[in-house]
Amino acid sequence: MKSPWSTAAAALLLAGLLSSPAAAQLSGLEDPIVADRPDFTEGTSILDTGHFQLEGGYTFTRLGEEESHTFGELLLRYGFSQRIELRLEAGSYDRIETDGAGERISGFEDPGIGLKLRLTDAATWIPGQPAVAVVAGTSVPVGDEELTSDAWEPSAVLAFDWELFDLIGLGANLGAAALDGEDGRFTQVYWSASGGYGLTERLSGYLEYYGISEDEEGGPSLHYLDAGLTYLIHNDLQVDIRVGRGLNGEDPDDYIGVGAAVRW
């Protein structure tokens, strides 16, 4: 079995290789990588045909006396055609602990499969016309017992992107999911708006609001505000950090996450 030191050394070596000049063209593409993380809002961009992109990260969340750690958040994207992107989500590993109660839940969430279909490109000669895409998919109920939904839960999102100026962009989503509740299926609706700004050639920031109609059947609506930064190490490698807070009592008090995206 590998020691923790050898695993850490391998991770550092991989990070060094990815950030080196020799790896600066993993994909051979001139345009910088565009990731769907770290914000909640899905973008409309499609990977170039034949290329892959892997995104992942870690999030710490605190809700009252409950703390949770989410490891993975892995999304593998593949450019299938000029308009279609295939997507595979690996089930993240969760560790949930309750202060003072000695309760702990850990295991893997349900994975997911889906696709993104780019419907239109932004038309710069028509003021206000956005790029539009549909992201559709479903969870696959194979997660650990305490974290699986025990049912396929399909969802669909209509995504919009506006390029307002050279360094300023706006994204918005409207989505719905058919979730499995104690009394059968119920429909969850969610929405978001995210504004991004290029601070430097490599550093960008965003501010976002998003809401969810209900997290469980008959539950209250949830509202969040978050912000984050992304840094482009080179055209095919980006790292990120985000912080967020719930805007009502049922939401996570706060959360913080870090992650990365690589394209080849």
C-alpha atoms as a PDB file:
ATOM      1  CA  MET A   1       0.000   0.000   0.000  1.00  0.00           C
ATOM      2  CA  LYS A   2       1.291   3.477  -0.826  1.00  0.00           C
ATOM      3  CA  SER A   3       2.283   5.653   2.119  1.00  0.00           C
ATOM      4  CA  PRO A   4       0.632   9.087   2.591  1.00  0.00           C
ATOM      5  CA  TRP A   5       4.003  10.654   1.779  1.00  0.00           C
ATOM      6  CA  SER A   6       4.286   8.931  -1.597  1.00  0.00           C
ATOM      7  CA  THR A   7       0.701   9.877  -2.434  1.00  0.00           C
ATOM      8  CA  ALA A   8       1.372  13.508  -1.506  1.00  0.00           C
ATOM      9  CA  ALA A   9       4.601  13.502  -3.527  1.00  0.00           C
ATOM     10  CA  ALA A  10       2.748  12.145  -6.572  1.00  0.00           C
ATOM     11  CA  ALA A  11       0.084  14.829  -6.221  1.00  0.00           C
ATOM     12  CA  LEU A  12       2.722  17.565  -5.982  1.00  0.00           C
ATOM     13  CA  LEU A  13       4.553  16.178  -9.009  1.00  0.00           C
ATOM     14  CA  LEU A  14       1.326  16.126 -11.041  1.00  0.00           C
ATOM     15  CA  ALA A  15       0.508  19.700  -9.996  1.00  0.00           C
ATOM     16  CA  GLY A  16       4.011  20.787 -11.011  1.00  0.00           C
ATOM     17  CA  LEU A  17       3.735  19.121 -14.391  1.00  0.00           C
ATOM     18  CA  LEU A  18       0.334  20.659 -15.069  1.00  0.00           C
ATOM     19  CA  SER A  19       1.586  24.143 -14.223  1.00  0.00           C
ATOM     20  CA  SER A  20       4.836  23.865 -16.174  1.00  0.00           C
ATOM     21  CA  PRO A  21       5.370  25.542 -19.566  1.00  0.00           C
ATOM     22  CA  ALA A  22       5.520  22.081 -21.200  1.00  0.00           C
ATOM     23  CA  ALA A  23       1.938  21.459 -20.156  1.00  0.00           C
ATOM     24  CA  ALA A  24       0.694  24.895 -21.190  1.00  0.00           C
ATOM     25  CA  GLN A  25      -1.069  23.399 -24.221  1.00  0.00           C
ATOM     26  CA  LEU A  26      -2.604  20.185 -22.883  1.00  0.00           C
ATOM     27  CA  SER A  27      -5.535  20.614 -25.247  1.00  0.00           C
ATOM     28  CA  GLY A  28      -3.728  22.444 -28.039  1.00  0.00           C
ATOM     29  CA  LEU A  29      -6.474  25.092 -27.957  1.00  0.00           C
ATOM     30  CA  GLU A  30      -5.723  28.820 -27.911  1.00  0.00           C
ATOM     31  CA  ASP A  31      -8.820  29.929 -25.981  1.00  0.00           C
ATOM     32  CA  PRO A  32      -8.616  29.771 -22.157  1.00  0.00           C
ATOM     33  CA  ILE A  33     -10.483  27.034 -20.289  1.00  0.00           C
ATOM     34  CA  VAL A  34     -14.082  27.813 -19.261  1.00  0.00           C
ATOM     35  CA  ALA A  35     -15.346  25.820 -16.250  1.00  0.00           C
ATOM     36  CA  ASP A  36     -18.869  25.342 -14.899  1.00  0.00           C
ATOM     37  CA  ARG A  37     -17.479  25.621 -11.349  1.00  0.00           C
ATOM     38  CA  PRO A  38     -17.203  27.209  -8.846  1.00  0.00           C
ATOM     39  CA  ASP A  39     -20.564  29.014  -9.015  1.00  0.00           C
ATOM     40  CA  PHE A  40     -24.016  27.391  -8.920  1.00  0.00           C
ATOM     41  CA  THR A  41     -24.975  28.808 -12.327  1.00  0.00           C
ATOM     42  CA  GLU A  42     -24.391  26.540 -15.333  1.00  0.00           C
ATOM     43  CA  GLY A  43     -22.735  28.251 -18.307  1.00  0.00           C
ATOM     44  CA  THR A  44     -23.593  27.836 -21.976  1.00  0.00           C
ATOM     45  CA  SER A  45     -20.085  27.013 -23.233  1.00  0.00           C
ATOM     46  CA  ILE A  46     -19.490  23.661 -24.970  1.00  0.00           C
ATOM     47  CA  LEU A  47     -16.145  21.866 -25.070  1.00  0.00           C
ATOM     48  CA  ASP A  48     -14.482  21.661 -28.474  1.00  0.00           C
ATOM     49  CA  THR A  49     -15.186  18.372 -30.246  1.00  0.00           C
ATOM     50  CA  GLY A  50     -12.958  15.533 -29.068  1.00  0.00           C
ATOM     51  CA  HIS A  51     -11.683  17.302 -25.945  1.00  0.00           C
ATOM     52  CA  PHE A  52     -12.127  16.386 -22.270  1.00  0.00           C
ATOM     53  CA  GLN A  53     -12.387  18.550 -19.178  1.00  0.00           C
ATOM     54  CA  LEU A  54     -12.303  17.425 -15.535  1.00  0.00           C
ATOM     55  CA  GLU A  55     -13.567  19.684 -12.745  1.00  0.00           C
ATOM     56  CA  GLY A  56     -13.538  18.959  -9.028  1.00  0.00           C
ATOM     57  CA  GLY A  57     -13.092  20.343  -5.530  1.00  0.00           C
ATOM     58  CA  TYR A  58     -13.900  20.338  -1.833  1.00  0.00           C
ATOM     59  CA  THR A  59     -16.557  22.218   0.187  1.00  0.00           C
ATOM     60  CA  PHE A  60     -16.961  22.734   3.936  1.00  0.00           C
ATOM     61  CA  THR A  61     -20.485  23.633   5.082  1.00  0.00           C
ATOM     62  CA  ARG A  62     -21.795  24.538   8.547  1.00  0.00           C
ATOM     63  CA  LEU A  63     -25.517  24.478   9.364  1.00  0.00           C
ATOM     64  CA  GLY A  64     -26.181  25.176  13.015  1.00  0.00           C
ATOM     65  CA  GLU A  65     -24.411  22.399  14.950  1.00  0.00           C
ATOM     66  CA  GLU A  66     -23.923  20.283  11.818  1.00  0.00           C
ATOM     67  CA  GLU A  67     -20.706  20.331   9.825  1.00  0.00           C
ATOM     68  CA  SER A  68     -20.223  18.613   6.481  1.00  0.00           C
ATOM     69  CA  HIS A  69     -17.203  17.991   4.269  1.00  0.00           C
ATOM     70  CA  THR A  70     -17.764  17.207   0.589  1.00  0.00           C
ATOM     71  CA  PHE A  71     -14.814  15.740  -1.314  1.00  0.00           C
ATOM     72  CA  GLY A  72     -14.714  15.253  -5.065  1.00  0.00           C
ATOM     73  CA  GLU A  73     -17.462  17.247  -6.788  1.00  0.00           C
ATOM     74  CA  LEU A  74     -16.081  15.603  -9.920  1.00  0.00           C
ATOM     75  CA  LEU A  75     -17.553  16.474 -13.309  1.00  0.00           C
ATOM     76  CA  LEU A  76     -16.080  14.969 -16.484  1.00  0.00           C
ATOM     77  CA  ARG A  77     -17.086  16.792 -19.679  1.00  0.00           C
ATOM     78  CA  TYR A  78     -16.542  15.621 -23.275  1.00  0.00           C
ATOM     79  CA  GLY A  79     -17.077  17.622 -26.455  1.00  0.00           C
ATOM     80  CA  PHE A  80     -19.187  15.273 -28.580  1.00  0.00           C
ATOM     81  CA  SER A  81     -19.959  17.743 -31.362  1.00  0.00           C
ATOM     82  CA  GLN A  82     -20.091  21.480 -32.027  1.00  0.00           C
ATOM     83  CA  ARG A  83     -23.402  21.710 -30.160  1.00  0.00           C
ATOM     84  CA  ILE A  84     -23.405  18.738 -27.751  1.00  0.00           C
ATOM     85  CA  GLU A  85     -21.349  18.002 -24.666  1.00  0.00           C
ATOM     86  CA  LEU A  86     -21.574  14.756 -22.665  1.00  0.00           C
ATOM     87  CA  ARG A  87     -21.284  14.949 -18.875  1.00  0.00           C
ATOM     88  CA  LEU A  88     -20.517  12.418 -16.131  1.00  0.00           C
ATOM     89  CA  GLU A  89     -20.699  13.324 -12.429  1.00  0.00           C
ATOM     90  CA  ALA A  90     -18.951  11.065  -9.921  1.00  0.00           C
ATOM     91  CA  GLY A  91     -20.730  10.824  -6.569  1.00  0.00           C
ATOM     92  CA  SER A  92     -18.901  13.014  -4.047  1.00  0.00           C
ATOM     93  CA  TYR A  93     -17.765  11.597  -0.713  1.00  0.00           C
ATOM     94  CA  ASP A  94     -19.569  13.267   2.219  1.00  0.00           C
ATOM     95  CA  ARG A  95     -18.700  13.319   5.907  1.00  0.00           C
ATOM     96  CA  ILE A  96     -21.402  14.874   8.088  1.00  0.00           C
ATOM     97  CA  GLU A  97     -20.934  15.406  11.826  1.00  0.00           C
ATOM     98  CA  THR A  98     -23.177  16.915  14.527  1.00  0.00           C
ATOM     99  CA  ASP A  99     -21.450  18.754  17.398  1.00  0.00           C
ATOM    100  CA  GLY A 100     -22.161  17.305  20.832  1.00  0.00           C
ATOM    101  CA  ALA A 101     -24.398  14.514  19.511  1.00  0.00           C
ATOM    102  CA  GLY A 102     -21.606  12.212  18.388  1.00  0.00           C
ATOM    103  CA  GLU A 103     -23.491  11.497  15.163  1.00  0.00           C
ATOM    104  CA  ARG A 104     -21.595  10.911  11.945  1.00  0.00           C
ATOM    105  CA  ILE A 105     -22.736  10.018   8.438  1.00  0.00           C
ATOM    106  CA  SER A 106     -20.227   9.291   5.704  1.00  0.00           C
ATOM    107  CA  GLY A 107     -20.307   7.784   2.236  1.00  0.00           C
ATOM    108  CA  PHE A 108     -20.775   8.510  -1.435  1.00  0.00           C
ATOM    109  CA  GLU A 109     -23.611  10.477  -3.018  1.00  0.00           C
ATOM    110  CA  ASP A 110     -25.417   9.310  -6.143  1.00  0.00           C
ATOM    111  CA  PRO A 111     -23.469   9.922  -9.377  1.00  0.00           C
ATOM    112  CA  GLY A 112     -25.110  11.494 -12.420  1.00  0.00           C
ATOM    113  CA  ILE A 113     -25.121  11.466 -16.214  1.00  0.00           C
ATOM    114  CA  GLY A 114     -26.250  14.133 -18.652  1.00  0.00           C
ATOM    115  CA  LEU A 115     -25.570  16.375 -21.623  1.00  0.00           C
ATOM    116  CA  LYS A 116     -25.427  20.036 -22.549  1.00  0.00           C
ATOM    117  CA  LEU A 117     -26.983  21.262 -25.803  1.00  0.00           C
ATOM    118  CA  ARG A 118     -25.940  24.689 -27.074  1.00  0.00           C
ATOM    119  CA  LEU A 119     -28.993  26.235 -28.733  1.00  0.00           C
ATOM    120  CA  THR A 120     -27.756  29.671 -29.818  1.00  0.00           C
ATOM    121  CA  ASP A 121     -24.622  31.792 -29.699  1.00  0.00           C
ATOM    122  CA  ALA A 122     -24.680  35.344 -28.394  1.00  0.00           C
ATOM    123  CA  ALA A 123     -25.378  37.831 -31.199  1.00  0.00           C
ATOM    124  CA  THR A 124     -23.321  40.962 -30.595  1.00  0.00           C
ATOM    125  CA  TRP A 125     -25.263  42.862 -33.227  1.00  0.00           C
ATOM    126  CA  ILE A 126     -28.583  42.348 -31.389  1.00  0.00           C
ATOM    127  CA  PRO A 127     -28.535  44.151 -28.000  1.00  0.00           C
ATOM    128  CA  GLY A 128     -29.516  41.886 -25.122  1.00  0.00           C
ATOM    129  CA  GLN A 129     -29.609  38.609 -27.047  1.00  0.00           C
ATOM    130  CA  PRO A 130     -27.857  35.915 -24.958  1.00  0.00           C
ATOM    131  CA  ALA A 131     -26.233  32.603 -25.724  1.00  0.00           C
ATOM    132  CA  VAL A 132     -28.653  29.821 -24.701  1.00  0.00           C
ATOM    133  CA  ALA A 133     -28.089  26.191 -23.733  1.00  0.00           C
ATOM    134  CA  VAL A 134     -30.009  23.325 -22.127  1.00  0.00           C
ATOM    135  CA  VAL A 135     -28.380  21.080 -19.530  1.00  0.00           C
ATOM    136  CA  ALA A 136     -30.309  17.846 -18.902  1.00  0.00           C
ATOM    137  CA  GLY A 137     -29.466  14.760 -16.896  1.00  0.00           C
ATOM    138  CA  THR A 138     -30.358  12.425 -14.078  1.00  0.00           C
ATOM    139  CA  SER A 139     -28.891  11.042 -10.898  1.00  0.00           C
ATOM    140  CA  VAL A 140     -28.153   7.299 -10.753  1.00  0.00           C
ATOM    141  CA  PRO A 141     -29.311   5.732  -7.447  1.00  0.00           C
ATOM    142  CA  VAL A 142     -26.198   3.735  -6.538  1.00  0.00           C
ATOM    143  CA  GLY A 143     -24.823   5.870  -3.675  1.00  0.00           C
ATOM    144  CA  ASP A 144     -24.328   4.713  -0.111  1.00  0.00           C
ATOM    145  CA  GLU A 145     -27.457   3.837   1.887  1.00  0.00           C
ATOM    146  CA  GLU A 146     -27.669   7.018   3.979  1.00  0.00           C
ATOM    147  CA  LEU A 147     -26.932   9.346   1.054  1.00  0.00           C
ATOM    148  CA  THR A 148     -28.715   7.831  -1.949  1.00  0.00           C
ATOM    149  CA  SER A 149     -32.141   8.990  -3.054  1.00  0.00           C
ATOM    150  CA  ASP A 150     -33.057   5.383  -4.021  1.00  0.00           C
ATOM    151  CA  ALA A 151     -34.578   6.746  -7.247  1.00  0.00           C
ATOM    152  CA  TRP A 152     -33.568   8.241 -10.575  1.00  0.00           C
ATOM    153  CA  GLU A 153     -34.024  12.012 -10.288  1.00  0.00           C
ATOM    154  CA  PRO A 154     -34.043  13.759 -13.693  1.00  0.00           C
ATOM    155  CA  SER A 155     -33.417  17.488 -14.046  1.00  0.00           C
ATOM    156  CA  ALA A 156     -33.181  20.139 -16.760  1.00  0.00           C
ATOM    157  CA  VAL A 157     -31.723  23.655 -16.758  1.00  0.00           C
ATOM    158  CA  LEU A 158     -32.153  26.484 -19.244  1.00  0.00           C
ATOM    159  CA  ALA A 159     -28.928  28.529 -19.202  1.00  0.00           C
ATOM    160  CA  PHE A 160     -28.306  32.064 -20.510  1.00  0.00           C
ATOM    161  CA  ASP A 161     -25.046  34.018 -20.944  1.00  0.00           C
ATOM    162  CA  TRP A 162     -24.619  37.688 -21.812  1.00  0.00           C
ATOM    163  CA  GLU A 163     -21.295  39.365 -22.648  1.00  0.00           C
ATOM    164  CA  LEU A 164     -22.002  42.911 -21.508  1.00  0.00           C
ATOM    165  CA  PHE A 165     -18.495  44.306 -22.018  1.00  0.00           C
ATOM    166  CA  ASP A 166     -15.043  42.873 -22.701  1.00  0.00           C
ATOM    167  CA  LEU A 167     -14.442  42.072 -19.020  1.00  0.00           C
ATOM    168  CA  ILE A 168     -17.997  41.761 -17.679  1.00  0.00           C
ATOM    169  CA  GLY A 169     -20.452  38.895 -18.187  1.00  0.00           C
ATOM    170  CA  LEU A 170     -23.798  37.815 -16.788  1.00  0.00           C
ATOM    171  CA  GLY A 171     -25.240  34.322 -16.501  1.00  0.00           C
ATOM    172  CA  ALA A 172     -28.692  33.125 -15.452  1.00  0.00           C
ATOM    173  CA  ASN A 173     -30.398  29.759 -14.982  1.00  0.00           C
ATOM    174  CA  LEU A 174     -33.909  28.436 -14.617  1.00  0.00           C
ATOM    175  CA  GLY A 175     -34.177  24.749 -13.795  1.00  0.00           C
ATOM    176  CA  ALA A 176     -36.401  22.005 -12.421  1.00  0.00           C
ATOM    177  CA  ALA A 177     -35.879  18.513 -11.019  1.00  0.00           C
ATOM    178  CA  ALA A 178     -38.248  15.623 -10.281  1.00  0.00           C
ATOM    179  CA  LEU A 179     -37.193  14.503  -6.797  1.00  0.00           C
ATOM    180  CA  ASP A 180     -38.251  11.479  -4.794  1.00  0.00           C
ATOM    181  CA  GLY A 181     -40.051  12.359  -1.543  1.00  0.00           C
ATOM    182  CA  GLU A 182     -41.666  10.374   1.252  1.00  0.00           C
ATOM    183  CA  ASP A 183     -45.076  10.655  -0.445  1.00  0.00           C
ATOM    184  CA  GLY A 184     -43.829  10.210  -4.014  1.00  0.00           C
ATOM    185  CA  ARG A 185     -42.398  12.552  -6.634  1.00  0.00           C
ATOM    186  CA  PHE A 186     -42.349  16.316  -6.218  1.00  0.00           C
ATOM    187  CA  THR A 187     -40.981  19.076  -8.440  1.00  0.00           C
ATOM    188  CA  GLN A 188     -38.137  21.272  -7.275  1.00  0.00           C
ATOM    189  CA  VAL A 189     -37.587  24.570  -9.131  1.00  0.00           C
ATOM    190  CA  TYR A 190     -34.362  26.577  -8.916  1.00  0.00           C
ATOM    191  CA  TRP A 191     -33.017  29.799 -10.369  1.00  0.00           C
ATOM    192  CA  SER A 192     -29.830  31.870 -10.317  1.00  0.00           C
ATOM    193  CA  ALA A 193     -28.070  34.995 -11.547  1.00  0.00           C
ATOM    194  CA  SER A 194     -24.282  35.367 -11.604  1.00  0.00           C
ATOM    195  CA  GLY A 195     -22.153  38.345 -12.606  1.00  0.00           C
ATOM    196  CA  GLY A 196     -18.483  37.868 -13.498  1.00  0.00           C
ATOM    197  CA  TYR A 197     -15.664  40.403 -13.889  1.00  0.00           C
ATOM    198  CA  GLY A 198     -12.106  40.050 -15.169  1.00  0.00           C
ATOM    199  CA  LEU A 199      -9.830  41.608 -12.546  1.00  0.00           C
ATOM    200  CA  THR A 200      -6.597  40.880 -14.443  1.00  0.00           C
ATOM    201  CA  GLU A 201      -5.617  38.778 -17.452  1.00  0.00           C
ATOM    202  CA  ARG A 202      -5.610  35.644 -15.244  1.00  0.00           C
ATOM    203  CA  LEU A 203      -7.714  36.534 -12.188  1.00  0.00           C
ATOM    204  CA  SER A 204     -11.512  36.815 -12.322  1.00  0.00           C
ATOM    205  CA  GLY A 205     -14.234  37.212  -9.730  1.00  0.00           C
ATOM    206  CA  TYR A 206     -17.981  36.664  -9.521  1.00  0.00           C
ATOM    207  CA  LEU A 207     -20.966  37.489  -7.313  1.00  0.00           C
ATOM    208  CA  GLU A 208     -24.051  35.277  -7.404  1.00  0.00           C
ATOM    209  CA  TYR A 209     -27.551  34.823  -6.006  1.00  0.00           C
ATOM    210  CA  TYR A 210     -29.478  31.565  -6.321  1.00  0.00           C
ATOM    211  CA  GLY A 211     -32.662  30.088  -4.906  1.00  0.00           C
ATOM    212  CA  ILE A 212     -34.360  26.706  -4.564  1.00  0.00           C
ATOM    213  CA  SER A 213     -38.125  26.275  -4.180  1.00  0.00           C
ATOM    214  CA  GLU A 214     -37.760  23.451  -1.619  1.00  0.00           C
ATOM    215  CA  ASP A 215     -35.049  20.989  -0.651  1.00  0.00           C
ATOM    216  CA  GLU A 216     -37.548  18.424   0.622  1.00  0.00           C
ATOM    217  CA  GLU A 217     -41.252  17.971  -0.022  1.00  0.00           C
ATOM    218  CA  GLY A 218     -43.243  20.706   1.713  1.00  0.00           C
ATOM    219  CA  GLY A 219     -40.092  22.431   2.967  1.00  0.00           C
ATOM    220  CA  PRO A 220     -39.327  26.158   2.799  1.00  0.00           C
ATOM    221  CA  SER A 221     -37.663  27.897  -0.118  1.00  0.00           C
ATOM    222  CA  LEU A 222     -33.902  28.398   0.173  1.00  0.00           C
ATOM    223  CA  HIS A 223     -31.889  31.471  -0.833  1.00  0.00           C
ATOM    224  CA  TYR A 224     -28.117  31.906  -1.092  1.00  0.00           C
ATOM    225  CA  LEU A 225     -25.532  34.557  -1.849  1.00  0.00           C
ATOM    226  CA  ASP A 226     -21.979  33.603  -2.779  1.00  0.00           C
ATOM    227  CA  ALA A 227     -18.816  35.030  -4.335  1.00  0.00           C
ATOM    228  CA  GLY A 228     -15.571  33.595  -5.607  1.00  0.00           C
ATOM    229  CA  LEU A 229     -12.323  33.953  -7.502  1.00  0.00           C
ATOM    230  CA  THR A 230     -10.774  31.944 -10.336  1.00  0.00           C
ATOM    231  CA  TYR A 231      -7.131  32.004 -11.365  1.00  0.00           C
ATOM    232  CA  LEU A 232      -5.895  30.804 -14.747  1.00  0.00           C
ATOM    233  CA  ILE A 233      -2.538  29.042 -14.242  1.00  0.00           C
ATOM    234  CA  HIS A 234      -2.364  28.420 -17.987  1.00  0.00           C
ATOM    235  CA  ASN A 235      -4.910  28.009 -20.782  1.00  0.00           C
ATOM    236  CA  ASP A 236      -5.854  24.474 -19.718  1.00  0.00           C
ATOM    237  CA  LEU A 237      -5.670  24.714 -15.917  1.00  0.00           C
ATOM    238  CA  GLN A 238      -7.725  26.879 -13.579  1.00  0.00           C
ATOM    239  CA  VAL A 239      -8.056  26.949  -9.775  1.00  0.00           C
ATOM    240  CA  ASP A 240     -10.854  28.526  -7.740  1.00  0.00           C
ATOM    241  CA  ILE A 241     -12.142  29.494  -4.304  1.00  0.00           C
ATOM    242  CA  ARG A 242     -15.659  30.437  -3.207  1.00  0.00           C
ATOM    243  CA  VAL A 243     -17.523  31.474  -0.062  1.00  0.00           C
ATOM    244  CA  GLY A 244     -21.258  31.638   0.493  1.00  0.00           C
ATOM    245  CA  ARG A 245     -24.003  32.129   3.043  1.00  0.00           C
ATOM    246  CA  GLY A 246     -27.659  31.242   3.320  1.00  0.00           C
ATOM    247  CA  LEU A 247     -30.103  34.146   3.427  1.00  0.00           C
ATOM    248  CA  ASN A 248     -32.745  32.462   5.595  1.00  0.00           C
ATOM    249  CA  GLY A 249     -32.681  30.253   8.671  1.00  0.00           C
ATOM    250  CA  GLU A 250     -33.049  26.959   6.815  1.00  0.00           C
ATOM    251  CA  ASP A 251     -29.924  27.478   4.709  1.00  0.00           C
ATOM    252  CA  PRO A 252     -26.322  26.586   5.520  1.00  0.00           C
ATOM    253  CA  ASP A 253     -25.005  29.307   7.831  1.00  0.00           C
ATOM    254  CA  ASP A 254     -21.931  29.482   5.657  1.00  0.00           C
ATOM    255  CA  TYR A 255     -19.734  27.459   3.342  1.00  0.00           C
ATOM    256  CA  ILE A 256     -16.319  27.681   1.697  1.00  0.00           C
ATOM    257  CA  GLY A 257     -14.864  25.636  -1.133  1.00  0.00           C
ATOM    258  CA  VAL A 258     -11.821  25.262  -3.349  1.00  0.00           C
ATOM    259  CA  GLY A 259     -11.345  23.441  -6.632  1.00  0.00           C
ATOM    260  CA  ALA A 260      -9.720  23.178 -10.036  1.00  0.00           C
ATOM    261  CA  ALA A 261     -10.456  22.389 -13.671  1.00  0.00           C
ATOM    262  CA  VAL A 262      -8.129  20.890 -16.302  1.00  0.00           C
ATOM    263  CA  ARG A 263      -8.697  20.408 -20.057  1.00  0.00           C
ATOM    264  CA  TRP A 264      -6.994  18.116 -22.535  1.00  0.00           C
END
